[in-house]
Protein backbone atom coordinates (compact mmCIF):
# COMPACT_ATOMS: atom_id res chain seq x y z
CA UNK A 1 -46.67 -52.26 -7.34
CA UNK A 2 -46.53 -50.65 -10.82
CA UNK A 3 -48.90 -47.72 -10.02
CA UNK A 4 -46.32 -46.66 -7.05
CA UNK A 5 -43.46 -47.08 -9.27
CA UNK A 6 -45.12 -44.91 -11.89
CA UNK A 7 -46.12 -42.46 -8.90
CA UNK A 8 -42.57 -42.18 -7.79
CA UNK A 9 -41.46 -41.21 -11.50
CA UNK A 10 -44.08 -38.56 -11.70
CA UNK A 11 -43.03 -37.06 -8.20
CA UNK A 12 -39.60 -37.08 -9.29
CA UNK A 13 -40.07 -35.03 -12.74
CA UNK A 14 -42.33 -32.62 -10.70
CA UNK A 15 -39.45 -32.16 -8.17
CA UNK A 16 -37.02 -31.90 -10.82
CA UNK A 17 -38.95 -29.33 -12.75
CA UNK A 18 -39.42 -27.23 -9.84
CA UNK A 19 -35.92 -27.65 -8.84
CA UNK A 20 -34.99 -26.46 -12.64
CA UNK A 21 -37.39 -23.40 -12.46
CA UNK A 22 -35.90 -22.15 -9.20
CA UNK A 23 -32.50 -22.48 -10.66
CA UNK A 24 -33.45 -20.24 -13.63
CA UNK A 25 -34.82 -17.63 -11.05
CA UNK A 26 -31.38 -17.08 -9.39
CA UNK A 27 -28.86 -15.00 -11.19
CA UNK A 28 -25.79 -16.72 -12.33
CA UNK A 29 -22.67 -16.15 -10.22
CA UNK A 30 -19.45 -16.10 -11.92
CA UNK A 31 -16.23 -16.33 -9.97
CA UNK A 32 -14.03 -13.44 -10.72
CA UNK A 33 -10.70 -14.21 -12.30
CA UNK A 34 -7.71 -13.80 -9.71
CA UNK A 35 -4.11 -12.58 -10.70
CA UNK A 36 -1.47 -15.16 -10.49
CA UNK A 37 0.10 -15.69 -7.03
CA UNK A 38 3.44 -14.07 -6.65
CA UNK A 39 6.34 -16.48 -6.07
CA UNK A 40 8.16 -16.53 -2.90
CA UNK A 41 10.83 -14.31 -4.34
CA UNK A 42 8.25 -11.79 -5.68
CA UNK A 43 6.38 -11.93 -2.43
CA UNK A 44 9.62 -10.53 -0.67
CA UNK A 45 9.86 -7.92 -3.22
CA UNK A 46 6.23 -6.60 -2.61
CA UNK A 47 6.72 -6.98 1.09
CA UNK A 48 9.96 -5.04 0.81
CA UNK A 49 8.34 -2.28 -1.58
CA UNK A 50 5.36 -1.88 0.88
CA UNK A 51 7.61 -1.29 3.87
CA UNK A 52 9.58 1.44 1.82
CA UNK A 53 6.19 3.25 0.95
CA UNK A 54 4.86 2.91 4.35
CA UNK A 55 8.60 4.44 5.80
CA UNK A 56 7.80 7.25 3.42
CA UNK A 57 3.99 7.58 4.28
CA UNK A 58 5.20 7.87 8.18
CA UNK A 59 7.81 10.28 7.28
CA UNK A 60 5.12 12.59 5.35
CA UNK A 61 2.87 12.12 8.44
CA UNK A 62 5.60 13.04 10.97
CA UNK A 63 6.41 16.33 8.83
CA UNK A 64 2.71 17.05 8.53
CA UNK A 65 2.48 19.96 11.43
CA UNK A 66 2.38 23.55 12.11
CA UNK A 67 1.55 25.37 8.66
CA UNK A 68 1.96 22.28 6.91
CA UNK A 69 -0.86 20.64 8.74
CA UNK A 70 -3.91 20.13 6.20
CA UNK A 71 -7.22 21.10 7.39
CA UNK A 72 -10.44 21.52 6.03
CA UNK A 73 -11.15 25.00 4.70
CA UNK A 74 -13.08 26.69 1.84
CA UNK A 75 -10.23 29.23 0.95
CA UNK A 76 -8.14 27.98 -1.74
CA UNK A 77 -5.12 30.28 -0.89
CA UNK A 78 -5.12 28.46 2.49
CA UNK A 79 -4.90 24.68 0.91
CA UNK A 80 -2.09 25.96 -1.41
CA UNK A 81 -0.26 27.44 1.50
CA UNK A 82 -0.62 24.24 3.63
CA UNK A 83 0.24 22.12 0.44
CA UNK A 84 3.50 24.34 -0.23
CA UNK A 85 4.62 23.95 3.27
CA UNK A 86 4.17 20.26 3.53
CA UNK A 87 6.11 20.19 0.16
CA UNK A 88 8.83 21.78 1.70
CA UNK A 89 8.79 19.93 5.06
CA UNK A 90 9.06 16.53 2.80
CA UNK A 91 11.66 17.73 0.46
CA UNK A 92 13.68 18.77 3.71
CA UNK A 93 13.19 15.61 5.56
CA UNK A 94 14.43 13.26 2.42
CA UNK A 95 16.77 15.59 0.93
CA UNK A 96 19.07 12.74 0.09
CA UNK A 97 16.30 10.70 -1.78
CA UNK A 98 17.14 9.35 -5.25
CA UNK A 99 15.35 7.34 -8.07
CA UNK A 100 14.96 3.57 -7.11
CA UNK A 101 14.82 4.03 -3.29
CA UNK A 102 11.27 2.94 -3.28
CA UNK A 103 10.89 1.52 -6.94
CA UNK A 104 14.21 -0.39 -6.20
CA UNK A 105 16.14 -1.72 -9.25
CA UNK A 106 15.05 -5.20 -7.91
CA UNK A 107 11.11 -4.76 -8.02
CA UNK A 108 11.05 -2.58 -11.08
CA UNK A 109 11.16 -5.71 -13.50
CA UNK A 110 8.28 -6.98 -11.20
CA UNK A 111 5.98 -3.94 -11.83
CA UNK A 112 6.61 -3.87 -15.33
CA UNK A 113 5.59 -7.76 -15.37
CA UNK A 114 2.49 -6.82 -13.71
CA UNK A 115 1.81 -4.07 -15.98
CA UNK A 116 2.17 -6.20 -19.24
CA UNK A 117 -0.78 -8.44 -18.83
CA UNK A 118 -2.72 -5.74 -17.38
CA UNK A 119 -2.40 -3.67 -20.49
CA UNK A 120 -2.80 -6.60 -22.75
CA UNK A 121 -5.65 -8.86 -21.53
CA UNK A 122 -9.14 -8.88 -22.84
CA UNK A 123 -12.10 -7.34 -20.87
CA UNK A 124 -13.72 -4.05 -19.74
CA UNK A 125 -10.55 -2.43 -20.98
CA UNK A 126 -8.30 -4.12 -23.51
CA UNK A 127 -4.56 -3.45 -24.49
CA UNK A 128 -5.63 -0.50 -26.89
CA UNK A 129 -7.95 1.20 -24.77
CA UNK A 130 -5.79 0.96 -21.54
CA UNK A 131 -2.91 2.51 -23.52
CA UNK A 132 -5.29 5.15 -25.17
CA UNK A 133 -6.74 6.07 -21.57
CA UNK A 134 -3.07 6.67 -20.46
CA UNK A 135 -2.21 8.52 -23.81
CA UNK A 136 -5.63 10.89 -24.02
CA UNK A 137 -3.96 13.29 -21.25
CA UNK A 138 -0.54 12.60 -22.11
CA UNK A 139 1.53 14.49 -20.17
CA UNK A 140 5.39 15.56 -20.93
CA UNK A 141 7.09 16.15 -17.43
CA UNK A 142 10.56 16.21 -16.21
CA UNK A 143 10.87 13.39 -13.89
CA UNK A 144 13.02 14.26 -10.70
CA UNK A 145 12.42 12.64 -7.09
CA UNK A 146 11.05 15.10 -4.39
CA UNK A 147 10.15 17.46 -7.32
CA UNK A 148 6.55 18.93 -7.17
CA UNK A 149 4.12 17.94 -9.80
CA UNK A 150 3.81 20.65 -12.45
CA UNK A 151 0.55 22.38 -11.90
CA UNK A 152 0.12 23.00 -15.83
CA UNK A 153 0.01 19.24 -16.45
CA UNK A 154 -2.78 16.81 -16.08
CA UNK A 155 -2.51 14.22 -13.33
CA UNK A 156 -2.75 11.01 -15.36
CA UNK A 157 -4.88 8.21 -13.38
CA UNK A 158 -4.18 4.69 -14.35
CA UNK A 159 -7.06 2.78 -15.76
CA UNK A 160 -8.80 0.37 -13.34
CA UNK A 161 -7.66 -2.96 -14.72
CA UNK A 162 -4.17 -1.53 -14.52
CA UNK A 163 -4.79 -0.50 -10.92
CA UNK A 164 -6.01 -3.78 -9.70
CA UNK A 165 -2.74 -5.70 -10.72
CA UNK A 166 -0.55 -3.19 -8.56
CA UNK A 167 0.16 -3.40 -5.00
CA UNK A 168 -2.02 -1.32 -2.76
CA UNK A 169 -0.80 2.23 -1.51
CA UNK A 170 -1.24 4.11 1.78
CA UNK A 171 -3.71 6.72 1.73
CA UNK A 172 -2.63 9.77 -0.20
CA UNK A 173 -0.30 7.86 -2.36
CA UNK A 174 -1.09 7.04 -6.06
CA UNK A 175 0.14 5.36 -9.11
CA UNK A 176 0.46 7.92 -12.17
CA UNK A 177 1.58 7.82 -15.53
CA UNK A 178 3.74 10.08 -17.75
CA UNK A 179 3.85 8.82 -21.08
CA UNK A 180 5.53 5.37 -20.58
CA UNK A 181 6.82 6.16 -17.06
CA UNK A 182 5.06 5.09 -13.85
CA UNK A 183 5.14 7.64 -11.00
CA UNK A 184 4.62 7.22 -7.36
CA UNK A 185 2.67 10.09 -6.42
CA UNK A 186 1.83 11.84 -3.18
CA UNK A 187 -1.01 14.05 -3.35
CA UNK A 188 -1.03 15.78 -0.15
CA UNK A 189 1.99 17.88 -1.08
CA UNK A 190 1.66 17.13 -5.17
CA UNK A 191 5.18 15.52 -5.10
CA UNK A 192 6.80 13.00 -7.27
CA UNK A 193 7.96 10.35 -4.61
CA UNK A 194 9.55 7.95 -7.15
CA UNK A 195 9.27 6.70 -10.71
CA UNK A 196 9.95 3.94 -13.10
CA UNK A 197 11.12 4.78 -16.62
CA UNK A 198 9.54 2.83 -19.53
CA UNK A 199 7.37 0.86 -17.28
CA UNK A 200 4.59 0.28 -19.82
CA UNK A 201 5.75 -2.13 -22.50
């Protein structure tokens, strides 16, 4: 009886050792932190923002025809002509556009709320690194809805840590920065769609 009990202990230790060795062979998987869920009010703001962005994207696609239709070509002058034609078409189609049509006054505080922890949280990009990444190519431009983005100014990309906090955009639309200001930029006509003054804390 005693011998059987000891055998059971030995077997148990062996099984435990094998399981432990197997666990060491497997890489540890750490769950990625997730952004805080939006409140019902914020969820409505996001839905409204996404609808406004999609409406603009649909409008841009609607007027993307004729000379403005962008096709693949190896000739830079043709690409420039297509882009300029599309820019003119979009500007005409939304001639009455004004600041706040997409970045509405109601959602601007929410964007600032999203940007603040993104620029301050520790991780691959901390607050100083994120702000320096935006500042490195600091551009000074005159912000105007429907205006072409100045060719002589760099396009300032948002750091990855910042982009992951912001609502996703349709193809061709991007978040850009000019100093502390957030820009909704359309890369196809190279145009400023909307902006938020002093979005970065």
